[in-house]
Amino acid sequence: MSGDSVEELRQFRNKYKLNFPLLSDAGHETLEGYGVWQEKNIYGRKTMGIVRTTYVIGEDGTVKRVFPKVKVDGHIREVLAALKG
């Protein structure tokens, strides 16, 4: 889920030829609900933004696993292992 607009996500999806839907939450309601819309300190400048986090949600709608403050490198392996186990 992204804080970007639907149009921005459409352009991003087209640019990178993605074959899956992207979710927009430009008003940040869901992002805030999951606790990922937070104040960030970037080079001494405070701003609001998304703290990259992955939630694994089960078929029953419950959160099965949370990966906070995700680092991209190697993360897919962690998520795939969680989905298998």
PDB file of N, CA and C in Angstrom:
ATOM      1  N   MET A   1       0.849  -1.162   0.000  1.00  0.00           N
ATOM      2  CA  MET A   1       0.000   0.000   0.000  1.00  0.00           C
ATOM      3  C   MET A   1       0.897   1.228   0.000  1.00  0.00           C
ATOM      4  N   SER A   2       0.458   2.228  -0.717  1.00  0.00           N
ATOM      5  CA  SER A   2       1.253   3.438  -0.884  1.00  0.00           C
ATOM      6  C   SER A   2       0.428   4.668  -0.517  1.00  0.00           C
ATOM      7  N   GLY A   3       1.105   5.705  -0.097  1.00  0.00           N
ATOM      8  CA  GLY A   3       0.460   6.987   0.134  1.00  0.00           C
ATOM      9  C   GLY A   3       0.317   7.796  -1.145  1.00  0.00           C
ATOM     10  N   ASP A   4       0.800   7.255  -2.252  1.00  0.00           N
ATOM     11  CA  ASP A   4       0.692   7.926  -3.547  1.00  0.00           C
ATOM     12  C   ASP A   4      -0.727   7.832  -4.087  1.00  0.00           C
ATOM     13  N   SER A   5      -1.059   8.733  -4.997  1.00  0.00           N
ATOM     14  CA  SER A   5      -2.389   8.741  -5.609  1.00  0.00           C
ATOM     15  C   SER A   5      -2.550   7.558  -6.573  1.00  0.00           C
ATOM     16  N   VAL A   6      -3.778   7.266  -6.927  1.00  0.00           N
ATOM     17  CA  VAL A   6      -4.066   6.202  -7.895  1.00  0.00           C
ATOM     18  C   VAL A   6      -3.347   6.486  -9.210  1.00  0.00           C
ATOM     19  N   GLU A   7      -3.371   7.728  -9.651  1.00  0.00           N
ATOM     20  CA  GLU A   7      -2.710   8.089 -10.915  1.00  0.00           C
ATOM     21  C   GLU A   7      -1.199   7.868 -10.833  1.00  0.00           C
ATOM     22  N   GLU A   8      -0.573   8.276  -9.734  1.00  0.00           N
ATOM     23  CA  GLU A   8       0.865   8.062  -9.579  1.00  0.00           C
ATOM     24  C   GLU A   8       1.201   6.566  -9.600  1.00  0.00           C
ATOM     25  N   LEU A   9       0.370   5.765  -8.953  1.00  0.00           N
ATOM     26  CA  LEU A   9       0.603   4.320  -8.942  1.00  0.00           C
ATOM     27  C   LEU A   9       0.375   3.709 -10.320  1.00  0.00           C
ATOM     28  N   ARG A  10      -0.597   4.222 -11.066  1.00  0.00           N
ATOM     29  CA  ARG A  10      -0.834   3.739 -12.428  1.00  0.00           C
ATOM     30  C   ARG A  10       0.402   3.975 -13.282  1.00  0.00           C
ATOM     31  N   GLN A  11       0.964   5.166 -13.175  1.00  0.00           N
ATOM     32  CA  GLN A  11       2.167   5.491 -13.942  1.00  0.00           C
ATOM     33  C   GLN A  11       3.345   4.599 -13.527  1.00  0.00           C
ATOM     34  N   PHE A  12       3.505   4.375 -12.242  1.00  0.00           N
ATOM     35  CA  PHE A  12       4.576   3.523 -11.726  1.00  0.00           C
ATOM     36  C   PHE A  12       4.395   2.088 -12.229  1.00  0.00           C
ATOM     37  N   ARG A  13       3.177   1.591 -12.157  1.00  0.00           N
ATOM     38  CA  ARG A  13       2.870   0.226 -12.610  1.00  0.00           C
ATOM     39  C   ARG A  13       3.177   0.072 -14.100  1.00  0.00           C
ATOM     40  N   ASN A  14       2.775   1.058 -14.888  1.00  0.00           N
ATOM     41  CA  ASN A  14       3.049   1.015 -16.328  1.00  0.00           C
ATOM     42  C   ASN A  14       4.546   1.112 -16.626  1.00  0.00           C
ATOM     43  N   LYS A  15       5.231   1.993 -15.933  1.00  0.00           N
ATOM     44  CA  LYS A  15       6.670   2.191 -16.164  1.00  0.00           C
ATOM     45  C   LYS A  15       7.454   0.901 -15.939  1.00  0.00           C
ATOM     46  N   TYR A  16       7.093   0.174 -14.870  1.00  0.00           N
ATOM     47  CA  TYR A  16       7.834  -1.035 -14.523  1.00  0.00           C
ATOM     48  C   TYR A  16       7.138  -2.323 -14.981  1.00  0.00           C
ATOM     49  N   LYS A  17       6.053  -2.150 -15.769  1.00  0.00           N
ATOM     50  CA  LYS A  17       5.329  -3.283 -16.352  1.00  0.00           C
ATOM     51  C   LYS A  17       4.946  -4.321 -15.304  1.00  0.00           C
ATOM     52  N   LEU A  18       4.403  -3.854 -14.190  1.00  0.00           N
ATOM     53  CA  LEU A  18       3.986  -4.742 -13.110  1.00  0.00           C
ATOM     54  C   LEU A  18       2.677  -5.426 -13.478  1.00  0.00           C
ATOM     55  N   ASN A  19       2.526  -6.675 -13.112  1.00  0.00           N
ATOM     56  CA  ASN A  19       1.320  -7.424 -13.466  1.00  0.00           C
ATOM     57  C   ASN A  19       0.448  -7.737 -12.252  1.00  0.00           C
ATOM     58  N   PHE A  20       0.487  -6.856 -11.270  1.00  0.00           N
ATOM     59  CA  PHE A  20      -0.341  -7.027 -10.072  1.00  0.00           C
ATOM     60  C   PHE A  20      -0.845  -5.651  -9.632  1.00  0.00           C
ATOM     61  N   PRO A  21      -1.950  -5.622  -8.909  1.00  0.00           N
ATOM     62  CA  PRO A  21      -2.514  -4.327  -8.492  1.00  0.00           C
ATOM     63  C   PRO A  21      -1.679  -3.661  -7.398  1.00  0.00           C
ATOM     64  N   LEU A  22      -1.699  -2.346  -7.388  1.00  0.00           N
ATOM     65  CA  LEU A  22      -1.072  -1.551  -6.344  1.00  0.00           C
ATOM     66  C   LEU A  22      -2.181  -0.810  -5.608  1.00  0.00           C
ATOM     67  N   LEU A  23      -2.052  -0.685  -4.302  1.00  0.00           N
ATOM     68  CA  LEU A  23      -3.089  -0.050  -3.490  1.00  0.00           C
ATOM     69  C   LEU A  23      -2.683   1.361  -3.091  1.00  0.00           C
ATOM     70  N   SER A  24      -3.617   2.295  -3.255  1.00  0.00           N
ATOM     71  CA  SER A  24      -3.400   3.689  -2.886  1.00  0.00           C
ATOM     72  C   SER A  24      -4.154   4.023  -1.605  1.00  0.00           C
ATOM     73  N   ASP A  25      -3.489   4.724  -0.712  1.00  0.00           N
ATOM     74  CA  ASP A  25      -4.123   5.265   0.491  1.00  0.00           C
ATOM     75  C   ASP A  25      -3.641   6.708   0.650  1.00  0.00           C
ATOM     76  N   ALA A  26      -4.024   7.534  -0.314  1.00  0.00           N
ATOM     77  CA  ALA A  26      -3.551   8.921  -0.334  1.00  0.00           C
ATOM     78  C   ALA A  26      -3.963   9.701   0.910  1.00  0.00           C
ATOM     79  N   GLY A  27      -5.048   9.289   1.580  1.00  0.00           N
ATOM     80  CA  GLY A  27      -5.479   9.957   2.808  1.00  0.00           C
ATOM     81  C   GLY A  27      -4.823   9.404   4.060  1.00  0.00           C
ATOM     82  N   HIS A  28      -4.075   8.314   3.916  1.00  0.00           N
ATOM     83  CA  HIS A  28      -3.268   7.694   4.968  1.00  0.00           C
ATOM     84  C   HIS A  28      -4.076   7.042   6.087  1.00  0.00           C
ATOM     85  N   GLU A  29      -5.372   6.834   5.903  1.00  0.00           N
ATOM     86  CA  GLU A  29      -6.193   6.245   6.966  1.00  0.00           C
ATOM     87  C   GLU A  29      -5.740   4.823   7.312  1.00  0.00           C
ATOM     88  N   THR A  30      -5.587   3.980   6.306  1.00  0.00           N
ATOM     89  CA  THR A  30      -5.160   2.595   6.553  1.00  0.00           C
ATOM     90  C   THR A  30      -3.709   2.551   6.997  1.00  0.00           C
ATOM     91  N   LEU A  31      -2.868   3.362   6.379  1.00  0.00           N
ATOM     92  CA  LEU A  31      -1.453   3.415   6.767  1.00  0.00           C
ATOM     93  C   LEU A  31      -1.312   3.796   8.242  1.00  0.00           C
ATOM     94  N   GLU A  32      -2.108   4.749   8.682  1.00  0.00           N
ATOM     95  CA  GLU A  32      -2.084   5.145  10.097  1.00  0.00           C
ATOM     96  C   GLU A  32      -2.608   4.012  10.976  1.00  0.00           C
ATOM     97  N   GLY A  33      -3.656   3.327  10.514  1.00  0.00           N
ATOM     98  CA  GLY A  33      -4.230   2.220  11.269  1.00  0.00           C
ATOM     99  C   GLY A  33      -3.233   1.091  11.502  1.00  0.00           C
ATOM    100  N   TYR A  34      -2.374   0.857  10.536  1.00  0.00           N
ATOM    101  CA  TYR A  34      -1.345  -0.169  10.679  1.00  0.00           C
ATOM    102  C   TYR A  34      -0.082   0.365  11.350  1.00  0.00           C
ATOM    103  N   GLY A  35      -0.076   1.651  11.671  1.00  0.00           N
ATOM    104  CA  GLY A  35       1.051   2.233  12.392  1.00  0.00           C
ATOM    105  C   GLY A  35       2.294   2.461  11.561  1.00  0.00           C
ATOM    106  N   VAL A  36       2.140   2.535  10.233  1.00  0.00           N
ATOM    107  CA  VAL A  36       3.313   2.705   9.381  1.00  0.00           C
ATOM    108  C   VAL A  36       3.475   4.131   8.851  1.00  0.00           C
ATOM    109  N   TRP A  37       2.492   5.000   9.077  1.00  0.00           N
ATOM    110  CA  TRP A  37       2.611   6.416   8.705  1.00  0.00           C
ATOM    111  C   TRP A  37       3.182   7.123   9.925  1.00  0.00           C
ATOM    112  N   GLN A  38       4.472   7.436   9.872  1.00  0.00           N
ATOM    113  CA  GLN A  38       5.187   7.935  11.040  1.00  0.00           C
ATOM    114  C   GLN A  38       6.076   9.114  10.689  1.00  0.00           C
ATOM    115  N   GLU A  39       6.481   9.813  11.733  1.00  0.00           N
ATOM    116  CA  GLU A  39       7.473  10.864  11.544  1.00  0.00           C
ATOM    117  C   GLU A  39       8.823  10.202  11.293  1.00  0.00           C
ATOM    118  N   LYS A  40       9.512  10.702  10.273  1.00  0.00           N
ATOM    119  CA  LYS A  40      10.823  10.177   9.909  1.00  0.00           C
ATOM    120  C   LYS A  40      11.819  11.319   9.944  1.00  0.00           C
ATOM    121  N   ASN A  41      13.053  10.987  10.256  1.00  0.00           N
ATOM    122  CA  ASN A  41      14.121  11.973  10.297  1.00  0.00           C
ATOM    123  C   ASN A  41      15.083  11.649   9.160  1.00  0.00           C
ATOM    124  N   ILE A  42      15.049  12.464   8.117  1.00  0.00           N
ATOM    125  CA  ILE A  42      15.889  12.231   6.952  1.00  0.00           C
ATOM    126  C   ILE A  42      16.907  13.367   6.847  1.00  0.00           C
ATOM    127  N   TYR A  43      18.150  13.020   7.115  1.00  0.00           N
ATOM    128  CA  TYR A  43      19.242  13.999   7.086  1.00  0.00           C
ATOM    129  C   TYR A  43      18.932  15.225   7.946  1.00  0.00           C
ATOM    130  N   GLY A  44      18.403  14.974   9.149  1.00  0.00           N
ATOM    131  CA  GLY A  44      18.107  16.035  10.091  1.00  0.00           C
ATOM    132  C   GLY A  44      16.798  16.767   9.855  1.00  0.00           C
ATOM    133  N   ARG A  45      16.089  16.393   8.801  1.00  0.00           N
ATOM    134  CA  ARG A  45      14.799  17.034   8.478  1.00  0.00           C
ATOM    135  C   ARG A  45      13.667  16.077   8.828  1.00  0.00           C
ATOM    136  N   LYS A  46      12.738  16.534   9.659  1.00  0.00           N
ATOM    137  CA  LYS A  46      11.616  15.691  10.061  1.00  0.00           C
ATOM    138  C   LYS A  46      10.477  15.821   9.055  1.00  0.00           C
ATOM    139  N   THR A  47       9.947  14.669   8.669  1.00  0.00           N
ATOM    140  CA  THR A  47       8.853  14.632   7.710  1.00  0.00           C
ATOM    141  C   THR A  47       7.999  13.400   7.998  1.00  0.00           C
ATOM    142  N   MET A  48       6.759  13.413   7.545  1.00  0.00           N
ATOM    143  CA  MET A  48       5.895  12.247   7.698  1.00  0.00           C
ATOM    144  C   MET A  48       6.055  11.354   6.478  1.00  0.00           C
ATOM    145  N   GLY A  49       6.044  10.067   6.714  1.00  0.00           N
ATOM    146  CA  GLY A  49       6.167   9.131   5.609  1.00  0.00           C
ATOM    147  C   GLY A  49       5.916   7.711   6.059  1.00  0.00           C
ATOM    148  N   ILE A  50       6.020   6.807   5.120  1.00  0.00           N
ATOM    149  CA  ILE A  50       5.780   5.399   5.398  1.00  0.00           C
ATOM    150  C   ILE A  50       7.067   4.742   5.868  1.00  0.00           C
ATOM    151  N   VAL A  51       6.969   4.015   6.978  1.00  0.00           N
ATOM    152  CA  VAL A  51       8.060   3.166   7.427  1.00  0.00           C
ATOM    153  C   VAL A  51       7.804   1.816   6.768  1.00  0.00           C
ATOM    154  N   ARG A  52       8.675   1.423   5.856  1.00  0.00           N
ATOM    155  CA  ARG A  52       8.479   0.212   5.053  1.00  0.00           C
ATOM    156  C   ARG A  52       8.315  -0.989   5.978  1.00  0.00           C
ATOM    157  N   THR A  53       7.143  -1.629   5.875  1.00  0.00           N
ATOM    158  CA  THR A  53       6.765  -2.745   6.736  1.00  0.00           C
ATOM    159  C   THR A  53       5.992  -3.748   5.906  1.00  0.00           C
ATOM    160  N   THR A  54       6.194  -5.038   6.184  1.00  0.00           N
ATOM    161  CA  THR A  54       5.427  -6.076   5.510  1.00  0.00           C
ATOM    162  C   THR A  54       4.549  -6.782   6.535  1.00  0.00           C
ATOM    163  N   TYR A  55       3.269  -6.933   6.194  1.00  0.00           N
ATOM    164  CA  TYR A  55       2.326  -7.699   6.995  1.00  0.00           C
ATOM    165  C   TYR A  55       1.921  -8.929   6.205  1.00  0.00           C
ATOM    166  N   VAL A  56       2.020 -10.103   6.829  1.00  0.00           N
ATOM    167  CA  VAL A  56       1.504 -11.328   6.232  1.00  0.00           C
ATOM    168  C   VAL A  56       0.140 -11.554   6.872  1.00  0.00           C
ATOM    169  N   ILE A  57      -0.894 -11.519   6.025  1.00  0.00           N
ATOM    170  CA  ILE A  57      -2.270 -11.632   6.514  1.00  0.00           C
ATOM    171  C   ILE A  57      -2.836 -12.966   6.031  1.00  0.00           C
ATOM    172  N   GLY A  58      -3.351 -13.753   6.965  1.00  0.00           N
ATOM    173  CA  GLY A  58      -3.884 -15.069   6.652  1.00  0.00           C
ATOM    174  C   GLY A  58      -5.222 -15.003   5.938  1.00  0.00           C
ATOM    175  N   GLU A  59      -5.641 -16.152   5.433  1.00  0.00           N
ATOM    176  CA  GLU A  59      -6.919 -16.244   4.727  1.00  0.00           C
ATOM    177  C   GLU A  59      -8.085 -15.831   5.618  1.00  0.00           C
ATOM    178  N   ASP A  60      -7.931 -15.997   6.940  1.00  0.00           N
ATOM    179  CA  ASP A  60      -8.995 -15.622   7.867  1.00  0.00           C
ATOM    180  C   ASP A  60      -8.977 -14.137   8.222  1.00  0.00           C
ATOM    181  N   GLY A  61      -8.029 -13.382   7.637  1.00  0.00           N
ATOM    182  CA  GLY A  61      -7.958 -11.939   7.851  1.00  0.00           C
ATOM    183  C   GLY A  61      -7.119 -11.522   9.046  1.00  0.00           C
ATOM    184  N   THR A  62      -6.513 -12.470   9.741  1.00  0.00           N
ATOM    185  CA  THR A  62      -5.681 -12.109  10.884  1.00  0.00           C
ATOM    186  C   THR A  62      -4.231 -11.920  10.456  1.00  0.00           C
ATOM    187  N   VAL A  63      -3.549 -11.030  11.169  1.00  0.00           N
ATOM    188  CA  VAL A  63      -2.136 -10.775  10.898  1.00  0.00           C
ATOM    189  C   VAL A  63      -1.338 -11.952  11.443  1.00  0.00           C
ATOM    190  N   LYS A  64      -0.615 -12.621  10.558  1.00  0.00           N
ATOM    191  CA  LYS A  64       0.169 -13.796  10.928  1.00  0.00           C
ATOM    192  C   LYS A  64       1.619 -13.450  11.259  1.00  0.00           C
ATOM    193  N   ARG A  65       2.140 -12.411  10.615  1.00  0.00           N
ATOM    194  CA  ARG A  65       3.547 -12.041  10.817  1.00  0.00           C
ATOM    195  C   ARG A  65       3.745 -10.588  10.413  1.00  0.00           C
ATOM    196  N   VAL A  66       4.611  -9.896  11.132  1.00  0.00           N
ATOM    197  CA  VAL A  66       4.949  -8.512  10.814  1.00  0.00           C
ATOM    198  C   VAL A  66       6.468  -8.411  10.676  1.00  0.00           C
ATOM    199  N   PHE A  67       6.891  -7.786   9.587  1.00  0.00           N
ATOM    200  CA  PHE A  67       8.308  -7.506   9.355  1.00  0.00           C
ATOM    201  C   PHE A  67       8.473  -5.989   9.409  1.00  0.00           C
ATOM    202  N   PRO A  68       8.899  -5.440  10.553  1.00  0.00           N
ATOM    203  CA  PRO A  68       9.038  -3.977  10.659  1.00  0.00           C
ATOM    204  C   PRO A  68      10.339  -3.478  10.041  1.00  0.00           C
ATOM    205  N   LYS A  69      10.323  -2.226   9.617  1.00  0.00           N
ATOM    206  CA  LYS A  69      11.516  -1.538   9.102  1.00  0.00           C
ATOM    207  C   LYS A  69      12.273  -2.407   8.100  1.00  0.00           C
ATOM    208  N   VAL A  70      11.581  -2.799   7.056  1.00  0.00           N
ATOM    209  CA  VAL A  70      12.102  -3.728   6.047  1.00  0.00           C
ATOM    210  C   VAL A  70      13.283  -3.150   5.292  1.00  0.00           C
ATOM    211  N   LYS A  71      14.291  -3.988   5.121  1.00  0.00           N
ATOM    212  CA  LYS A  71      15.400  -3.712   4.209  1.00  0.00           C
ATOM    213  C   LYS A  71      15.142  -4.570   2.976  1.00  0.00           C
ATOM    214  N   VAL A  72      15.208  -3.992   1.806  1.00  0.00           N
ATOM    215  CA  VAL A  72      14.805  -4.666   0.576  1.00  0.00           C
ATOM    216  C   VAL A  72      15.641  -5.916   0.295  1.00  0.00           C
ATOM    217  N   ASP A  73      16.962  -5.799   0.404  1.00  0.00           N
ATOM    218  CA  ASP A  73      17.836  -6.924   0.078  1.00  0.00           C
ATOM    219  C   ASP A  73      17.523  -8.133   0.960  1.00  0.00           C
ATOM    220  N   GLY A  74      17.173  -9.246   0.329  1.00  0.00           N
ATOM    221  CA  GLY A  74      16.910 -10.490   1.032  1.00  0.00           C
ATOM    222  C   GLY A  74      15.527 -10.624   1.634  1.00  0.00           C
ATOM    223  N   HIS A  75      14.742  -9.565   1.592  1.00  0.00           N
ATOM    224  CA  HIS A  75      13.437  -9.594   2.255  1.00  0.00           C
ATOM    225  C   HIS A  75      12.481 -10.614   1.633  1.00  0.00           C
ATOM    226  N   ILE A  76      12.524 -10.773   0.330  1.00  0.00           N
ATOM    227  CA  ILE A  76      11.612 -11.707  -0.325  1.00  0.00           C
ATOM    228  C   ILE A  76      11.799 -13.120   0.211  1.00  0.00           C
ATOM    229  N   ARG A  77      13.024 -13.499   0.529  1.00  0.00           N
ATOM    230  CA  ARG A  77      13.282 -14.837   1.075  1.00  0.00           C
ATOM    231  C   ARG A  77      12.624 -14.990   2.441  1.00  0.00           C
ATOM    232  N   GLU A  78      12.692 -13.943   3.272  1.00  0.00           N
ATOM    233  CA  GLU A  78      12.050 -13.981   4.591  1.00  0.00           C
ATOM    234  C   GLU A  78      10.535 -14.152   4.457  1.00  0.00           C
ATOM    235  N   VAL A  79       9.944 -13.393   3.542  1.00  0.00           N
ATOM    236  CA  VAL A  79       8.490 -13.439   3.361  1.00  0.00           C
ATOM    237  C   VAL A  79       8.069 -14.799   2.829  1.00  0.00           C
ATOM    238  N   LEU A  80       8.769 -15.311   1.833  1.00  0.00           N
ATOM    239  CA  LEU A  80       8.425 -16.629   1.275  1.00  0.00           C
ATOM    240  C   LEU A  80       8.530 -17.716   2.326  1.00  0.00           C
ATOM    241  N   ALA A  81       9.540 -17.650   3.186  1.00  0.00           N
ATOM    242  CA  ALA A  81       9.685 -18.622   4.277  1.00  0.00           C
ATOM    243  C   ALA A  81       8.514 -18.527   5.247  1.00  0.00           C
ATOM    244  N   ALA A  82       8.074 -17.314   5.546  1.00  0.00           N
ATOM    245  CA  ALA A  82       6.929 -17.127   6.448  1.00  0.00           C
ATOM    246  C   ALA A  82       5.650 -17.670   5.826  1.00  0.00           C
ATOM    247  N   LEU A  83       5.492 -17.511   4.519  1.00  0.00           N
ATOM    248  CA  LEU A  83       4.296 -18.012   3.849  1.00  0.00           C
ATOM    249  C   LEU A  83       4.263 -19.546   3.826  1.00  0.00           C
ATOM    250  N   LYS A  84       5.419 -20.162   3.760  1.00  0.00           N
ATOM    251  CA  LYS A  84       5.490 -21.628   3.739  1.00  0.00           C
ATOM    252  C   LYS A  84       5.293 -22.230   5.119  1.00  0.00           C
ATOM    253  N   GLY A  85       5.718 -21.481   6.145  1.00  0.00           N
ATOM    254  CA  GLY A  85       5.763 -22.070   7.456  1.00  0.00           C
ATOM    255  C   GLY A  85       4.686 -21.718   8.367  1.00  0.00           C
TER     256      GLY A  85
END
